[in-house]
């Protein structure tokens, strides 16, 4: 339990650092944040877990329907300072490396993701 709390506290501190650096302007400006809409088009030909630009529709990406279903719909994206918030997990079933902050379940094999690594 102590390791889990330390990990949680570390992630909270990293998030706070991304939002505001002491004695300076915020790194991530919550007042002027932007909502970006990414258009995803289902395509069975695209490998699971992959996104390919759709050259016929600029601003649109093609992805396997399972990948689209596995993807969390509301994702906070920060700058490079926030990279340490990643939550890498090796899928027990297919052994692919995935960042759990972006997925409801494994986009490659549809296995459930554990709550904690």
PDB file of N, CA and C in Angstrom:
ATOM      1  N   UNK A   1       0.832  -1.199   0.000  1.00  0.00           N
ATOM      2  CA  UNK A   1       0.000   0.000   0.000  1.00  0.00           C
ATOM      3  C   UNK A   1       0.871   1.256   0.000  1.00  0.00           C
ATOM      4  N   UNK A   2       1.997   1.222   0.703  1.00  0.00           N
ATOM      5  CA  UNK A   2       2.862   2.394   0.777  1.00  0.00           C
ATOM      6  C   UNK A   2       3.431   2.739  -0.593  1.00  0.00           C
ATOM      7  N   UNK A   3       3.862   1.730  -1.360  1.00  0.00           N
ATOM      8  CA  UNK A   3       4.382   1.988  -2.704  1.00  0.00           C
ATOM      9  C   UNK A   3       3.321   2.594  -3.602  1.00  0.00           C
ATOM     10  N   UNK A   4       2.086   2.109  -3.478  1.00  0.00           N
ATOM     11  CA  UNK A   4       0.991   2.650  -4.290  1.00  0.00           C
ATOM     12  C   UNK A   4       0.736   4.111  -3.943  1.00  0.00           C
ATOM     13  N   UNK A   5       0.759   4.444  -2.657  1.00  0.00           N
ATOM     14  CA  UNK A   5       0.548   5.839  -2.241  1.00  0.00           C
ATOM     15  C   UNK A   5       1.700   6.712  -2.712  1.00  0.00           C
ATOM     16  N   UNK A   6       2.930   6.223  -2.593  1.00  0.00           N
ATOM     17  CA  UNK A   6       4.077   7.005  -3.053  1.00  0.00           C
ATOM     18  C   UNK A   6       3.992   7.255  -4.553  1.00  0.00           C
ATOM     19  N   UNK A   7       3.566   6.251  -5.305  1.00  0.00           N
ATOM     20  CA  UNK A   7       3.413   6.396  -6.748  1.00  0.00           C
ATOM     21  C   UNK A   7       2.329   7.423  -7.068  1.00  0.00           C
ATOM     22  N   UNK A   8       1.209   7.350  -6.354  1.00  0.00           N
ATOM     23  CA  UNK A   8       0.122   8.307  -6.554  1.00  0.00           C
ATOM     24  C   UNK A   8       0.574   9.721  -6.199  1.00  0.00           C
ATOM     25  N   UNK A   9       1.250   9.872  -5.075  1.00  0.00           N
ATOM     26  CA  UNK A   9       1.743  11.193  -4.666  1.00  0.00           C
ATOM     27  C   UNK A   9       2.727  11.750  -5.691  1.00  0.00           C
ATOM     28  N   UNK A  10       3.589  10.891  -6.228  1.00  0.00           N
ATOM     29  CA  UNK A  10       4.563  11.323  -7.234  1.00  0.00           C
ATOM     30  C   UNK A  10       3.844  11.818  -8.489  1.00  0.00           C
ATOM     31  N   UNK A  11       2.802  11.109  -8.907  1.00  0.00           N
ATOM     32  CA  UNK A  11       2.050  11.518 -10.099  1.00  0.00           C
ATOM     33  C   UNK A  11       1.300  12.827  -9.862  1.00  0.00           C
ATOM     34  N   UNK A  12       0.759  13.001  -8.671  1.00  0.00           N
ATOM     35  CA  UNK A  12       0.063  14.252  -8.345  1.00  0.00           C
ATOM     36  C   UNK A  12       1.039  15.414  -8.375  1.00  0.00           C
ATOM     37  N   UNK A  13       2.218  15.232  -7.810  1.00  0.00           N
ATOM     38  CA  UNK A  13       3.229  16.297  -7.831  1.00  0.00           C
ATOM     39  C   UNK A  13       3.659  16.620  -9.259  1.00  0.00           C
ATOM     40  N   UNK A  14       3.824  15.603 -10.097  1.00  0.00           N
ATOM     41  CA  UNK A  14       4.194  15.842 -11.495  1.00  0.00           C
ATOM     42  C   UNK A  14       3.101  16.625 -12.214  1.00  0.00           C
ATOM     43  N   UNK A  15       1.842  16.265 -11.957  1.00  0.00           N
ATOM     44  CA  UNK A  15       0.725  16.973 -12.583  1.00  0.00           C
ATOM     45  C   UNK A  15       0.694  18.425 -12.133  1.00  0.00           C
ATOM     46  N   UNK A  16       0.890  18.660 -10.843  1.00  0.00           N
ATOM     47  CA  UNK A  16       0.925  20.038 -10.343  1.00  0.00           C
ATOM     48  C   UNK A  16       2.060  20.814 -10.995  1.00  0.00           C
ATOM     49  N   UNK A  17       3.198  20.168 -11.183  1.00  0.00           N
ATOM     50  CA  UNK A  17       4.332  20.822 -11.830  1.00  0.00           C
ATOM     51  C   UNK A  17       3.983  21.191 -13.274  1.00  0.00           C
ATOM     52  N   UNK A  18       3.264  20.325 -13.947  1.00  0.00           N
ATOM     53  CA  UNK A  18       2.868  20.611 -15.331  1.00  0.00           C
ATOM     54  C   UNK A  18       1.892  21.777 -15.400  1.00  0.00           C
ATOM     55  N   UNK A  19       1.035  21.877 -14.397  1.00  0.00           N
ATOM     56  CA  UNK A  19       0.031  22.938 -14.404  1.00  0.00           C
ATOM     57  C   UNK A  19       0.625  24.271 -13.983  1.00  0.00           C
ATOM     58  N   UNK A  20       1.520  24.262 -12.990  1.00  0.00           N
ATOM     59  CA  UNK A  20       2.055  25.530 -12.507  1.00  0.00           C
ATOM     60  C   UNK A  20       3.453  25.337 -11.932  1.00  0.00           C
ATOM     61  N   UNK A  21       4.376  26.135 -12.388  1.00  0.00           N
ATOM     62  CA  UNK A  21       5.725  26.143 -11.846  1.00  0.00           C
ATOM     63  C   UNK A  21       5.818  27.323 -10.891  1.00  0.00           C
ATOM     64  N   UNK A  22       6.319  27.064  -9.695  1.00  0.00           N
ATOM     65  CA  UNK A  22       6.378  28.095  -8.663  1.00  0.00           C
ATOM     66  C   UNK A  22       7.112  29.339  -9.169  1.00  0.00           C
ATOM     67  N   UNK A  23       6.563  30.515  -8.865  1.00  0.00           N
ATOM     68  CA  UNK A  23       7.134  31.820  -9.217  1.00  0.00           C
ATOM     69  C   UNK A  23       7.259  32.049 -10.726  1.00  0.00           C
ATOM     70  N   UNK A  24       6.379  31.450 -11.495  1.00  0.00           N
ATOM     71  CA  UNK A  24       6.401  31.686 -12.939  1.00  0.00           C
ATOM     72  C   UNK A  24       4.990  31.517 -13.496  1.00  0.00           C
ATOM     73  N   UNK A  25       4.868  31.780 -14.764  1.00  0.00           N
ATOM     74  CA  UNK A  25       3.569  31.598 -15.429  1.00  0.00           C
ATOM     75  C   UNK A  25       3.265  30.105 -15.524  1.00  0.00           C
ATOM     76  N   UNK A  26       2.003  29.743 -15.540  1.00  0.00           N
ATOM     77  CA  UNK A  26       1.655  28.322 -15.653  1.00  0.00           C
ATOM     78  C   UNK A  26       2.199  27.708 -16.939  1.00  0.00           C
ATOM     79  N   UNK A  27       2.691  26.489 -16.829  1.00  0.00           N
ATOM     80  CA  UNK A  27       3.150  25.762 -18.005  1.00  0.00           C
ATOM     81  C   UNK A  27       1.942  25.349 -18.841  1.00  0.00           C
ATOM     82  N   UNK A  28       0.906  24.894 -18.165  1.00  0.00           N
ATOM     83  CA  UNK A  28      -0.343  24.523 -18.831  1.00  0.00           C
ATOM     84  C   UNK A  28      -1.386  25.521 -18.376  1.00  0.00           C
ATOM     85  N   UNK A  29      -1.799  26.390 -19.246  1.00  0.00           N
ATOM     86  CA  UNK A  29      -2.712  27.477 -18.903  1.00  0.00           C
ATOM     87  C   UNK A  29      -4.151  26.969 -18.919  1.00  0.00           C
ATOM     88  N   UNK A  30      -4.709  26.745 -17.732  1.00  0.00           N
ATOM     89  CA  UNK A  30      -6.062  26.210 -17.636  1.00  0.00           C
ATOM     90  C   UNK A  30      -7.114  27.186 -18.154  1.00  0.00           C
ATOM     91  N   UNK A  31      -6.849  28.492 -18.049  1.00  0.00           N
ATOM     92  CA  UNK A  31      -7.820  29.488 -18.509  1.00  0.00           C
ATOM     93  C   UNK A  31      -7.887  29.549 -20.031  1.00  0.00           C
ATOM     94  N   UNK A  32      -6.774  29.260 -20.685  1.00  0.00           N
ATOM     95  CA  UNK A  32      -6.724  29.334 -22.147  1.00  0.00           C
ATOM     96  C   UNK A  32      -6.489  27.961 -22.768  1.00  0.00           C
ATOM     97  N   UNK A  33      -7.024  26.941 -22.138  1.00  0.00           N
ATOM     98  CA  UNK A  33      -6.847  25.599 -22.686  1.00  0.00           C
ATOM     99  C   UNK A  33      -7.680  25.456 -23.961  1.00  0.00           C
ATOM    100  N   UNK A  34      -7.320  24.498 -24.754  1.00  0.00           N
ATOM    101  CA  UNK A  34      -8.021  24.286 -26.021  1.00  0.00           C
ATOM    102  C   UNK A  34      -8.572  22.871 -26.069  1.00  0.00           C
ATOM    103  N   UNK A  35      -9.756  22.758 -26.594  1.00  0.00           N
ATOM    104  CA  UNK A  35     -10.331  21.444 -26.857  1.00  0.00           C
ATOM    105  C   UNK A  35     -10.080  21.120 -28.318  1.00  0.00           C
ATOM    106  N   UNK A  36      -9.380  20.044 -28.550  1.00  0.00           N
ATOM    107  CA  UNK A  36      -9.100  19.625 -29.914  1.00  0.00           C
ATOM    108  C   UNK A  36      -9.926  18.393 -30.227  1.00  0.00           C
ATOM    109  N   UNK A  37     -10.547  18.412 -31.363  1.00  0.00           N
ATOM    110  CA  UNK A  37     -11.354  17.287 -31.803  1.00  0.00           C
ATOM    111  C   UNK A  37     -10.563  16.506 -32.842  1.00  0.00           C
ATOM    112  N   UNK A  38     -10.370  15.231 -32.582  1.00  0.00           N
ATOM    113  CA  UNK A  38      -9.672  14.369 -33.524  1.00  0.00           C
ATOM    114  C   UNK A  38     -10.714  13.466 -34.165  1.00  0.00           C
ATOM    115  N   UNK A  39     -10.780  13.499 -35.466  1.00  0.00           N
ATOM    116  CA  UNK A  39     -11.742  12.680 -36.199  1.00  0.00           C
ATOM    117  C   UNK A  39     -11.124  11.325 -36.519  1.00  0.00           C
ATOM    118  N   UNK A  40     -11.787  10.266 -36.060  1.00  0.00           N
ATOM    119  CA  UNK A  40     -11.324   8.910 -36.316  1.00  0.00           C
ATOM    120  C   UNK A  40     -12.320   8.197 -37.214  1.00  0.00           C
ATOM    121  N   UNK A  41     -11.800   7.547 -38.230  1.00  0.00           N
ATOM    122  CA  UNK A  41     -12.633   6.819 -39.181  1.00  0.00           C
ATOM    123  C   UNK A  41     -12.309   5.327 -39.063  1.00  0.00           C
ATOM    124  N   UNK A  42     -13.322   4.478 -38.793  1.00  0.00           N
ATOM    125  CA  UNK A  42     -13.054   3.044 -38.682  1.00  0.00           C
ATOM    126  C   UNK A  42     -12.587   2.450 -40.011  1.00  0.00           C
ATOM    127  N   UNK A  43     -11.570   1.604 -39.923  1.00  0.00           N
ATOM    128  CA  UNK A  43     -11.048   0.929 -41.109  1.00  0.00           C
ATOM    129  C   UNK A  43     -10.455  -0.408 -40.664  1.00  0.00           C
ATOM    130  N   UNK A  44     -11.080  -1.500 -41.076  1.00  0.00           N
ATOM    131  CA  UNK A  44     -10.644  -2.845 -40.689  1.00  0.00           C
ATOM    132  C   UNK A  44      -9.239  -3.179 -41.195  1.00  0.00           C
ATOM    133  N   UNK A  45      -8.758  -2.460 -42.206  1.00  0.00           N
ATOM    134  CA  UNK A  45      -7.446  -2.756 -42.787  1.00  0.00           C
ATOM    135  C   UNK A  45      -6.291  -2.230 -41.941  1.00  0.00           C
ATOM    136  N   UNK A  46      -6.559  -1.289 -41.035  1.00  0.00           N
ATOM    137  CA  UNK A  46      -5.511  -0.716 -40.184  1.00  0.00           C
ATOM    138  C   UNK A  46      -5.245  -1.679 -39.032  1.00  0.00           C
ATOM    139  N   UNK A  47      -3.983  -1.902 -38.722  1.00  0.00           N
ATOM    140  CA  UNK A  47      -3.622  -2.782 -37.606  1.00  0.00           C
ATOM    141  C   UNK A  47      -4.158  -2.223 -36.299  1.00  0.00           C
ATOM    142  N   UNK A  48      -4.526  -3.111 -35.401  1.00  0.00           N
ATOM    143  CA  UNK A  48      -5.021  -2.686 -34.092  1.00  0.00           C
ATOM    144  C   UNK A  48      -3.947  -1.892 -33.352  1.00  0.00           C
ATOM    145  N   UNK A  49      -4.388  -0.876 -32.623  1.00  0.00           N
ATOM    146  CA  UNK A  49      -3.478  -0.041 -31.844  1.00  0.00           C
ATOM    147  C   UNK A  49      -2.758   1.021 -32.659  1.00  0.00           C
ATOM    148  N   UNK A  50      -3.077   1.133 -33.934  1.00  0.00           N
ATOM    149  CA  UNK A  50      -2.403   2.086 -34.818  1.00  0.00           C
ATOM    150  C   UNK A  50      -3.390   3.134 -35.332  1.00  0.00           C
ATOM    151  N   UNK A  51      -2.867   4.319 -35.633  1.00  0.00           N
ATOM    152  CA  UNK A  51      -3.638   5.404 -36.236  1.00  0.00           C
ATOM    153  C   UNK A  51      -2.888   5.854 -37.481  1.00  0.00           C
ATOM    154  N   UNK A  52      -3.590   5.918 -38.598  1.00  0.00           N
ATOM    155  CA  UNK A  52      -2.976   6.356 -39.848  1.00  0.00           C
ATOM    156  C   UNK A  52      -3.708   7.582 -40.365  1.00  0.00           C
ATOM    157  N   UNK A  53      -2.971   8.590 -40.852  1.00  0.00           N
ATOM    158  CA  UNK A  53      -3.650   9.756 -41.416  1.00  0.00           C
ATOM    159  C   UNK A  53      -4.444   9.357 -42.656  1.00  0.00           C
ATOM    160  N   UNK A  54      -5.626   9.922 -42.775  1.00  0.00           N
ATOM    161  CA  UNK A  54      -6.459   9.692 -43.950  1.00  0.00           C
ATOM    162  C   UNK A  54      -6.128  10.793 -44.951  1.00  0.00           C
ATOM    163  N   UNK A  55      -5.432  10.432 -46.001  1.00  0.00           N
ATOM    164  CA  UNK A  55      -4.978  11.432 -46.974  1.00  0.00           C
ATOM    165  C   UNK A  55      -6.124  12.015 -47.793  1.00  0.00           C
ATOM    166  N   UNK A  56      -7.265  11.326 -47.826  1.00  0.00           N
ATOM    167  CA  UNK A  56      -8.419  11.846 -48.561  1.00  0.00           C
ATOM    168  C   UNK A  56      -9.208  12.864 -47.741  1.00  0.00           C
ATOM    169  N   UNK A  57      -9.128  12.769 -46.420  1.00  0.00           N
ATOM    170  CA  UNK A  57      -9.825  13.695 -45.520  1.00  0.00           C
ATOM    171  C   UNK A  57      -8.821  14.277 -44.531  1.00  0.00           C
ATOM    172  N   UNK A  58      -8.205  15.418 -44.849  1.00  0.00           N
ATOM    173  CA  UNK A  58      -7.223  16.015 -43.945  1.00  0.00           C
ATOM    174  C   UNK A  58      -7.807  16.231 -42.543  1.00  0.00           C
ATOM    175  N   UNK A  59      -6.997  15.970 -41.529  1.00  0.00           N
ATOM    176  CA  UNK A  59      -7.441  16.119 -40.150  1.00  0.00           C
ATOM    177  C   UNK A  59      -8.169  14.898 -39.621  1.00  0.00           C
ATOM    178  N   UNK A  60      -8.270  13.866 -40.446  1.00  0.00           N
ATOM    179  CA  UNK A  60      -8.944  12.628 -40.059  1.00  0.00           C
ATOM    180  C   UNK A  60      -7.924  11.493 -40.030  1.00  0.00           C
ATOM    181  N   UNK A  61      -8.088  10.604 -39.069  1.00  0.00           N
ATOM    182  CA  UNK A  61      -7.216   9.444 -38.957  1.00  0.00           C
ATOM    183  C   UNK A  61      -8.041   8.176 -39.082  1.00  0.00           C
ATOM    184  N   UNK A  62      -7.438   7.155 -39.674  1.00  0.00           N
ATOM    185  CA  UNK A  62      -8.076   5.848 -39.780  1.00  0.00           C
ATOM    186  C   UNK A  62      -7.545   4.971 -38.656  1.00  0.00           C
ATOM    187  N   UNK A  63      -8.433   4.161 -38.089  1.00  0.00           N
ATOM    188  CA  UNK A  63      -8.040   3.230 -37.036  1.00  0.00           C
ATOM    189  C   UNK A  63      -8.973   2.032 -37.065  1.00  0.00           C
ATOM    190  N   UNK A  64      -8.482   0.910 -36.587  1.00  0.00           N
ATOM    191  CA  UNK A  64      -9.305  -0.292 -36.483  1.00  0.00           C
ATOM    192  C   UNK A  64     -10.459  -0.008 -35.517  1.00  0.00           C
ATOM    193  N   UNK A  65     -11.657  -0.517 -35.765  1.00  0.00           N
ATOM    194  CA  UNK A  65     -12.794  -0.258 -34.867  1.00  0.00           C
ATOM    195  C   UNK A  65     -12.532  -0.643 -33.407  1.00  0.00           C
ATOM    196  N   UNK A  66     -11.766  -1.710 -33.179  1.00  0.00           N
ATOM    197  CA  UNK A  66     -11.428  -2.105 -31.804  1.00  0.00           C
ATOM    198  C   UNK A  66     -10.545  -1.037 -31.158  1.00  0.00           C
ATOM    199  N   UNK A  67      -9.627  -0.474 -31.918  1.00  0.00           N
ATOM    200  CA  UNK A  67      -8.757   0.587 -31.399  1.00  0.00           C
ATOM    201  C   UNK A  67      -9.585   1.799 -30.998  1.00  0.00           C
ATOM    202  N   UNK A  68     -10.545   2.160 -31.816  1.00  0.00           N
ATOM    203  CA  UNK A  68     -11.398   3.313 -31.514  1.00  0.00           C
ATOM    204  C   UNK A  68     -12.217   3.049 -30.254  1.00  0.00           C
ATOM    205  N   UNK A  69     -12.738   1.841 -30.129  1.00  0.00           N
ATOM    206  CA  UNK A  69     -13.540   1.495 -28.952  1.00  0.00           C
ATOM    207  C   UNK A  69     -12.681   1.468 -27.683  1.00  0.00           C
ATOM    208  N   UNK A  70     -11.425   1.031 -27.794  1.00  0.00           N
ATOM    209  CA  UNK A  70     -10.534   0.926 -26.634  1.00  0.00           C
ATOM    210  C   UNK A  70     -10.037   2.288 -26.156  1.00  0.00           C
ATOM    211  N   UNK A  71      -9.987   3.265 -27.046  1.00  0.00           N
ATOM    212  CA  UNK A  71      -9.418   4.578 -26.741  1.00  0.00           C
ATOM    213  C   UNK A  71     -10.300   5.369 -25.784  1.00  0.00           C
ATOM    214  N   UNK A  72      -9.682   5.941 -24.749  1.00  0.00           N
ATOM    215  CA  UNK A  72     -10.428   6.843 -23.866  1.00  0.00           C
ATOM    216  C   UNK A  72     -10.752   8.094 -24.667  1.00  0.00           C
ATOM    217  N   UNK A  73     -11.947   8.597 -24.513  1.00  0.00           N
ATOM    218  CA  UNK A  73     -12.411   9.698 -25.364  1.00  0.00           C
ATOM    219  C   UNK A  73     -11.949  11.073 -24.886  1.00  0.00           C
ATOM    220  N   UNK A  74     -11.783  11.262 -23.581  1.00  0.00           N
ATOM    221  CA  UNK A  74     -11.326  12.550 -23.045  1.00  0.00           C
ATOM    222  C   UNK A  74      -9.918  12.375 -22.509  1.00  0.00           C
ATOM    223  N   UNK A  75      -8.960  12.939 -23.211  1.00  0.00           N
ATOM    224  CA  UNK A  75      -7.561  12.780 -22.834  1.00  0.00           C
ATOM    225  C   UNK A  75      -6.947  14.151 -22.615  1.00  0.00           C
ATOM    226  N   UNK A  76      -6.282  14.328 -21.467  1.00  0.00           N
ATOM    227  CA  UNK A  76      -5.549  15.556 -21.181  1.00  0.00           C
ATOM    228  C   UNK A  76      -4.170  15.422 -21.797  1.00  0.00           C
ATOM    229  N   UNK A  77      -3.838  16.323 -22.681  1.00  0.00           N
ATOM    230  CA  UNK A  77      -2.537  16.290 -23.324  1.00  0.00           C
ATOM    231  C   UNK A  77      -1.777  17.532 -22.904  1.00  0.00           C
ATOM    232  N   UNK A  78      -0.622  17.326 -22.326  1.00  0.00           N
ATOM    233  CA  UNK A  78       0.228  18.437 -21.917  1.00  0.00           C
ATOM    234  C   UNK A  78       1.439  18.515 -22.822  1.00  0.00           C
ATOM    235  N   UNK A  79       2.428  19.260 -22.373  1.00  0.00           N
ATOM    236  CA  UNK A  79       3.647  19.366 -23.169  1.00  0.00           C
ATOM    237  C   UNK A  79       4.646  18.304 -22.710  1.00  0.00           C
ATOM    238  N   UNK A  80       5.884  18.439 -23.123  1.00  0.00           N
ATOM    239  CA  UNK A  80       6.892  17.435 -22.809  1.00  0.00           C
ATOM    240  C   UNK A  80       7.169  17.301 -21.319  1.00  0.00           C
ATOM    241  N   UNK A  81       6.882  18.338 -20.532  1.00  0.00           N
ATOM    242  CA  UNK A  81       7.076  18.265 -19.085  1.00  0.00           C
ATOM    243  C   UNK A  81       6.172  17.210 -18.458  1.00  0.00           C
ATOM    244  N   UNK A  82       5.084  16.867 -19.107  1.00  0.00           N
ATOM    245  CA  UNK A  82       4.094  15.937 -18.544  1.00  0.00           C
ATOM    246  C   UNK A  82       4.334  14.494 -18.968  1.00  0.00           C
ATOM    247  N   UNK A  83       5.430  14.205 -19.649  1.00  0.00           N
ATOM    248  CA  UNK A  83       5.667  12.848 -20.116  1.00  0.00           C
ATOM    249  C   UNK A  83       5.771  11.846 -18.975  1.00  0.00           C
ATOM    250  N   UNK A  84       6.186  12.287 -17.796  1.00  0.00           N
ATOM    251  CA  UNK A  84       6.340  11.372 -16.674  1.00  0.00           C
ATOM    252  C   UNK A  84       5.010  10.892 -16.117  1.00  0.00           C
ATOM    253  N   UNK A  85       3.901  11.354 -16.631  1.00  0.00           N
ATOM    254  CA  UNK A  85       2.593  10.894 -16.172  1.00  0.00           C
ATOM    255  C   UNK A  85       2.174   9.604 -16.872  1.00  0.00           C
ATOM    256  N   UNK A  86       3.012   9.109 -17.768  1.00  0.00           N
ATOM    257  CA  UNK A  86       2.656   7.884 -18.471  1.00  0.00           C
ATOM    258  C   UNK A  86       2.529   6.721 -17.487  1.00  0.00           C
ATOM    259  N   UNK A  87       1.689   5.775 -17.853  1.00  0.00           N
ATOM    260  CA  UNK A  87       1.418   4.608 -17.018  1.00  0.00           C
ATOM    261  C   UNK A  87       1.584   3.373 -17.904  1.00  0.00           C
ATOM    262  N   UNK A  88       2.839   3.020 -18.162  1.00  0.00           N
ATOM    263  CA  UNK A  88       3.156   1.941 -19.085  1.00  0.00           C
ATOM    264  C   UNK A  88       2.825   0.587 -18.463  1.00  0.00           C
ATOM    265  N   UNK A  89       2.193  -0.247 -19.268  1.00  0.00           N
ATOM    266  CA  UNK A  89       1.825  -1.601 -18.843  1.00  0.00           C
ATOM    267  C   UNK A  89       2.125  -2.556 -19.991  1.00  0.00           C
ATOM    268  N   UNK A  90       2.690  -3.712 -19.672  1.00  0.00           N
ATOM    269  CA  UNK A  90       2.877  -4.768 -20.659  1.00  0.00           C
ATOM    270  C   UNK A  90       1.659  -5.679 -20.555  1.00  0.00           C
ATOM    271  N   UNK A  91       0.912  -5.787 -21.631  1.00  0.00           N
ATOM    272  CA  UNK A  91      -0.305  -6.604 -21.632  1.00  0.00           C
ATOM    273  C   UNK A  91       0.046  -8.051 -21.295  1.00  0.00           C
ATOM    274  N   UNK A  92      -0.679  -8.617 -20.347  1.00  0.00           N
ATOM    275  CA  UNK A  92      -0.431  -9.999 -19.931  1.00  0.00           C
ATOM    276  C   UNK A  92      -0.720 -10.992 -21.050  1.00  0.00           C
ATOM    277  N   UNK A  93      -1.644 -10.672 -21.934  1.00  0.00           N
ATOM    278  CA  UNK A  93      -2.040 -11.604 -22.999  1.00  0.00           C
ATOM    279  C   UNK A  93      -1.157 -11.508 -24.239  1.00  0.00           C
ATOM    280  N   UNK A  94      -1.023 -10.301 -24.797  1.00  0.00           N
ATOM    281  CA  UNK A  94      -0.314 -10.159 -26.076  1.00  0.00           C
ATOM    282  C   UNK A  94       1.100  -9.608 -25.933  1.00  0.00           C
ATOM    283  N   UNK A  95       1.460  -9.162 -24.724  1.00  0.00           N
ATOM    284  CA  UNK A  95       2.808  -8.651 -24.406  1.00  0.00           C
ATOM    285  C   UNK A  95       3.146  -7.337 -25.100  1.00  0.00           C
ATOM    286  N   UNK A  96       2.161  -6.625 -25.643  1.00  0.00           N
ATOM    287  CA  UNK A  96       2.404  -5.296 -26.205  1.00  0.00           C
ATOM    288  C   UNK A  96       2.500  -4.281 -25.081  1.00  0.00           C
ATOM    289  N   UNK A  97       3.342  -3.283 -25.283  1.00  0.00           N
ATOM    290  CA  UNK A  97       3.510  -2.206 -24.307  1.00  0.00           C
ATOM    291  C   UNK A  97       2.490  -1.118 -24.614  1.00  0.00           C
ATOM    292  N   UNK A  98       1.673  -0.760 -23.612  1.00  0.00           N
ATOM    293  CA  UNK A  98       0.659   0.276 -23.808  1.00  0.00           C
ATOM    294  C   UNK A  98       0.669   1.231 -22.622  1.00  0.00           C
ATOM    295  N   UNK A  99       0.248   2.455 -22.867  1.00  0.00           N
ATOM    296  CA  UNK A  99       0.129   3.471 -21.824  1.00  0.00           C
ATOM    297  C   UNK A  99      -1.323   3.479 -21.359  1.00  0.00           C
ATOM    298  N   UNK A 100      -1.558   3.004 -20.144  1.00  0.00           N
ATOM    299  CA  UNK A 100      -2.925   2.821 -19.649  1.00  0.00           C
ATOM    300  C   UNK A 100      -3.715   4.116 -19.540  1.00  0.00           C
ATOM    301  N   UNK A 101      -3.048   5.270 -19.512  1.00  0.00           N
ATOM    302  CA  UNK A 101      -3.805   6.519 -19.401  1.00  0.00           C
ATOM    303  C   UNK A 101      -4.650   6.794 -20.647  1.00  0.00           C
ATOM    304  N   UNK A 102      -4.380   6.095 -21.750  1.00  0.00           N
ATOM    305  CA  UNK A 102      -5.099   6.334 -22.995  1.00  0.00           C
ATOM    306  C   UNK A 102      -6.129   5.265 -23.350  1.00  0.00           C
ATOM    307  N   UNK A 103      -6.126   4.127 -22.653  1.00  0.00           N
ATOM    308  CA  UNK A 103      -6.920   2.980 -23.093  1.00  0.00           C
ATOM    309  C   UNK A 103      -7.839   2.449 -22.004  1.00  0.00           C
ATOM    310  N   UNK A 104      -9.056   2.037 -22.412  1.00  0.00           N
ATOM    311  CA  UNK A 104      -9.980   1.336 -21.514  1.00  0.00           C
ATOM    312  C   UNK A 104      -9.582  -0.134 -21.398  1.00  0.00           C
ATOM    313  N   UNK A 105      -9.104  -0.718 -22.485  1.00  0.00           N
ATOM    314  CA  UNK A 105      -8.643  -2.106 -22.523  1.00  0.00           C
ATOM    315  C   UNK A 105      -7.568  -2.188 -23.601  1.00  0.00           C
ATOM    316  N   UNK A 106      -6.885  -3.304 -23.684  1.00  0.00           N
ATOM    317  CA  UNK A 106      -5.793  -3.446 -24.649  1.00  0.00           C
ATOM    318  C   UNK A 106      -6.333  -3.314 -26.077  1.00  0.00           C
ATOM    319  N   UNK A 107      -5.812  -2.366 -26.858  1.00  0.00           N
ATOM    320  CA  UNK A 107      -6.305  -2.178 -28.224  1.00  0.00           C
ATOM    321  C   UNK A 107      -5.836  -3.274 -29.183  1.00  0.00           C
ATOM    322  N   UNK A 108      -4.869  -4.073 -28.756  1.00  0.00           N
ATOM    323  CA  UNK A 108      -4.336  -5.118 -29.625  1.00  0.00           C
ATOM    324  C   UNK A 108      -5.097  -6.438 -29.491  1.00  0.00           C
ATOM    325  N   UNK A 109      -5.405  -6.833 -28.233  1.00  0.00           N
ATOM    326  CA  UNK A 109      -6.021  -8.154 -28.026  1.00  0.00           C
ATOM    327  C   UNK A 109      -7.333  -8.091 -27.242  1.00  0.00           C
ATOM    328  N   UNK A 110      -7.755  -6.895 -26.838  1.00  0.00           N
ATOM    329  CA  UNK A 110      -9.004  -6.658 -26.113  1.00  0.00           C
ATOM    330  C   UNK A 110      -9.001  -7.182 -24.674  1.00  0.00           C
ATOM    331  N   UNK A 111      -7.827  -7.484 -24.126  1.00  0.00           N
ATOM    332  CA  UNK A 111      -7.753  -7.931 -22.730  1.00  0.00           C
ATOM    333  C   UNK A 111      -8.008  -6.766 -21.791  1.00  0.00           C
ATOM    334  N   UNK A 112      -8.571  -7.074 -20.638  1.00  0.00           N
ATOM    335  CA  UNK A 112      -8.776  -6.050 -19.614  1.00  0.00           C
ATOM    336  C   UNK A 112      -7.435  -5.597 -19.067  1.00  0.00           C
ATOM    337  N   UNK A 113      -7.374  -4.336 -18.681  1.00  0.00           N
ATOM    338  CA  UNK A 113      -6.162  -3.804 -18.066  1.00  0.00           C
ATOM    339  C   UNK A 113      -6.341  -3.800 -16.554  1.00  0.00           C
ATOM    340  N   UNK A 114      -5.315  -4.211 -15.812  1.00  0.00           N
ATOM    341  CA  UNK A 114      -5.435  -4.152 -14.354  1.00  0.00           C
ATOM    342  C   UNK A 114      -5.448  -2.703 -13.890  1.00  0.00           C
ATOM    343  N   UNK A 115      -6.027  -2.477 -12.726  1.00  0.00           N
ATOM    344  CA  UNK A 115      -6.066  -1.107 -12.204  1.00  0.00           C
ATOM    345  C   UNK A 115      -4.679  -0.599 -11.874  1.00  0.00           C
ATOM    346  N   UNK A 116      -3.824  -1.452 -11.374  1.00  0.00           N
ATOM    347  CA  UNK A 116      -2.447  -1.072 -11.036  1.00  0.00           C
ATOM    348  C   UNK A 116      -1.490  -2.070 -11.657  1.00  0.00           C
ATOM    349  N   UNK A 117      -0.322  -1.559 -12.091  1.00  0.00           N
ATOM    350  CA  UNK A 117       0.699  -2.467 -12.658  1.00  0.00           C
ATOM    351  C   UNK A 117       1.341  -3.283 -11.567  1.00  0.00           C
TER     352      UNK A 117
END
